[in-house]
Protein backbone atom coordinates (compact mmCIF):
# COMPACT_ATOMS: atom_id res chain seq x y z
CA MET A 1 1.40 -72.02 18.00
CA HIS A 2 0.69 -69.35 20.51
CA LYS A 3 4.16 -69.83 22.04
CA HIS A 4 5.72 -69.57 18.56
CA SER A 5 3.88 -66.25 17.86
CA LEU A 6 5.09 -64.84 21.13
CA THR A 7 8.69 -65.73 20.26
CA LEU A 8 8.39 -63.97 16.88
CA VAL A 9 7.00 -60.86 18.58
CA THR A 10 9.82 -60.93 21.13
CA LEU A 11 12.41 -61.49 18.40
CA ALA A 12 10.91 -58.67 16.28
CA SER A 13 10.89 -56.28 19.21
CA LEU A 14 14.53 -57.13 19.96
CA LEU A 15 15.48 -56.53 16.33
CA LEU A 16 13.51 -53.30 16.18
CA GLY A 17 15.06 -52.21 19.44
CA ALA A 18 18.49 -52.77 17.92
CA CYS A 19 17.50 -50.79 14.82
CA VAL A 20 16.17 -47.95 16.85
CA ALA A 21 19.34 -47.89 18.90
CA THR A 22 21.49 -47.55 15.79
CA VAL A 23 19.60 -44.53 14.42
CA ARG A 24 19.32 -42.62 17.68
CA PRO A 25 20.96 -39.18 17.28
CA THR A 26 24.16 -38.62 19.14
CA PRO A 27 23.95 -36.08 21.92
CA GLY A 28 25.82 -32.82 21.55
CA PRO A 29 25.42 -29.31 20.23
CA GLY A 30 23.72 -29.11 16.90
CA PRO A 31 22.28 -26.39 14.80
CA SER A 32 19.56 -24.57 16.65
CA GLU A 33 16.16 -24.21 15.11
CA PRO A 34 15.30 -20.77 13.77
CA PRO A 35 12.97 -18.72 15.94
CA PRO A 36 9.34 -18.68 14.92
CA PRO A 37 8.39 -15.87 12.53
CA ARG A 38 7.29 -12.66 14.20
CA THR A 39 3.83 -11.55 13.35
CA GLU A 40 2.24 -8.20 13.91
CA VAL A 41 -1.47 -7.92 14.36
CA ARG A 42 -2.83 -4.44 13.71
CA ASP A 43 -6.20 -3.12 14.56
CA HIS A 44 -8.29 -2.57 11.42
CA ARG A 45 -8.80 1.10 12.35
CA GLU A 46 -5.03 1.65 12.57
CA HIS A 47 -4.62 0.23 9.06
CA ARG A 48 -7.30 2.57 7.69
CA GLU A 49 -5.52 5.58 9.20
CA ARG A 50 -2.46 4.77 7.09
CA GLU A 51 -4.21 4.53 3.73
CA PRO A 52 -2.94 7.18 1.31
CA ARG A 53 -5.00 10.25 0.53
CA VAL A 54 -3.80 11.62 -2.79
CA ILE A 55 -5.10 14.08 -5.37
CA GLU A 56 -3.73 13.65 -8.87
CA GLY A 57 -4.75 14.40 -12.40
CA ARG A 58 -3.96 16.19 -15.61
CA VAL A 59 -4.40 19.80 -16.76
CA PHE A 60 -4.98 20.38 -20.48
CA ASP A 61 -6.22 22.91 -23.02
CA ALA A 62 -9.98 22.37 -23.53
CA GLU A 63 -9.80 23.12 -27.27
CA THR A 64 -6.56 21.47 -28.39
CA ARG A 65 -6.50 18.73 -25.69
CA GLN A 66 -2.74 19.41 -25.28
CA PRO A 67 -1.24 19.11 -21.77
CA LEU A 68 -0.44 22.39 -20.02
CA ASP A 69 3.01 22.66 -18.45
CA ARG A 70 3.52 24.90 -15.38
CA ALA A 71 -0.15 25.21 -14.50
CA ALA A 72 -0.68 25.80 -10.76
CA VAL A 73 -3.04 23.48 -8.88
CA ASP A 74 -4.17 24.87 -5.51
CA ILE A 75 -5.75 22.72 -2.79
CA THR A 76 -7.47 24.42 0.15
CA SER A 77 -8.81 22.68 3.24
CA PRO A 78 -9.96 23.80 6.69
CA SER A 79 -7.54 21.16 8.07
CA PHE A 80 -4.43 23.05 6.96
CA SER A 81 -3.81 26.77 6.97
CA GLY A 82 -3.50 28.55 3.66
CA GLU A 83 -3.37 26.44 0.54
CA ARG A 84 -1.14 23.78 -0.94
CA THR A 85 0.08 24.44 -4.48
CA VAL A 86 1.69 22.01 -6.93
CA ASN A 87 2.69 22.67 -10.52
CA THR A 88 2.14 20.46 -13.54
CA GLY A 89 5.01 18.97 -15.48
CA PRO A 90 5.49 18.94 -19.26
CA ASP A 91 2.92 16.13 -19.52
CA GLY A 92 0.32 18.26 -17.70
CA ARG A 93 0.23 15.89 -14.73
CA TYR A 94 0.24 16.83 -11.05
CA ARG A 95 0.10 14.92 -7.77
CA THR A 96 -0.13 15.92 -4.10
CA GLU A 97 -0.24 13.62 -1.07
CA GLU A 98 -1.24 13.67 2.60
CA ILE A 99 -4.52 15.41 1.99
CA PRO A 100 -6.75 15.55 5.10
CA ARG A 101 -10.13 13.83 5.03
CA GLY A 102 -13.13 16.01 4.37
CA GLN A 103 -14.11 18.86 2.07
CA PHE A 104 -11.46 20.62 0.01
CA GLY A 105 -11.33 23.35 -2.59
CA PHE A 106 -9.58 22.79 -5.90
CA ARG A 107 -8.33 25.43 -8.33
CA CYS A 108 -6.26 25.27 -11.55
CA ARG A 109 -4.74 28.44 -12.94
CA ARG A 110 -2.35 29.40 -15.72
CA GLU A 111 -1.59 32.67 -17.45
CA GLY A 112 -3.77 33.16 -20.54
CA TYR A 113 -6.49 30.76 -19.27
CA GLU A 114 -9.67 31.10 -17.24
CA THR A 115 -9.38 29.72 -13.70
CA PHE A 116 -10.95 26.31 -13.10
CA THR A 117 -12.47 25.80 -9.62
CA SER A 118 -14.21 22.89 -7.96
CA GLN A 119 -15.14 21.45 -4.56
CA ALA A 120 -14.76 17.81 -3.56
CA THR A 121 -14.58 15.50 -0.56
CA MET A 122 -11.50 13.45 0.28
CA ASN A 123 -11.94 10.02 1.77
CA ASP A 124 -9.19 7.38 1.66
CA GLY A 125 -7.45 6.57 -1.58
CA ILE A 126 -6.77 8.60 -4.69
CA ALA A 127 -8.97 11.39 -6.02
CA HIS A 128 -8.40 11.89 -9.74
CA ILE A 129 -9.30 15.37 -11.01
CA ASP A 130 -8.55 16.51 -14.56
CA CYS A 131 -8.85 20.20 -15.49
CA GLU A 132 -10.02 21.40 -18.88
CA MET A 133 -8.81 24.98 -19.13
CA HIS A 134 -10.33 27.50 -21.57
CA ARG A 135 -8.29 30.29 -23.12
CA LYS A 136 -9.23 33.83 -22.14
CA HIS A 137 -10.75 35.86 -24.98
């Protein structure tokens, strides 16, 4: 019985060897495998430096709640000389980017209205400041 088992194992290995030989790939040039994906590892501090610093908001009449077109929004900061001014659109909205970190002054002005002023601190992200402007009497 032992001799018979050995013959079956030998016969099976011969058959399997023949099967393996028939499925072996043929040598020759074939399609090359794509290169591995490139990954970029950034330092956490570098990522934080690239976060946006934006001031945006809306300027509107305090009494009627209507948006004010062409209102001037002035941003002052010790990090840049002078001031940065943006104007509101017909919807009363404004937006300015690349604001330095730290303290900044904020002023809204429009003819016929009292000036709105404020102070704030810019960190990373978006600072949303709405201005309620009161008509001059």
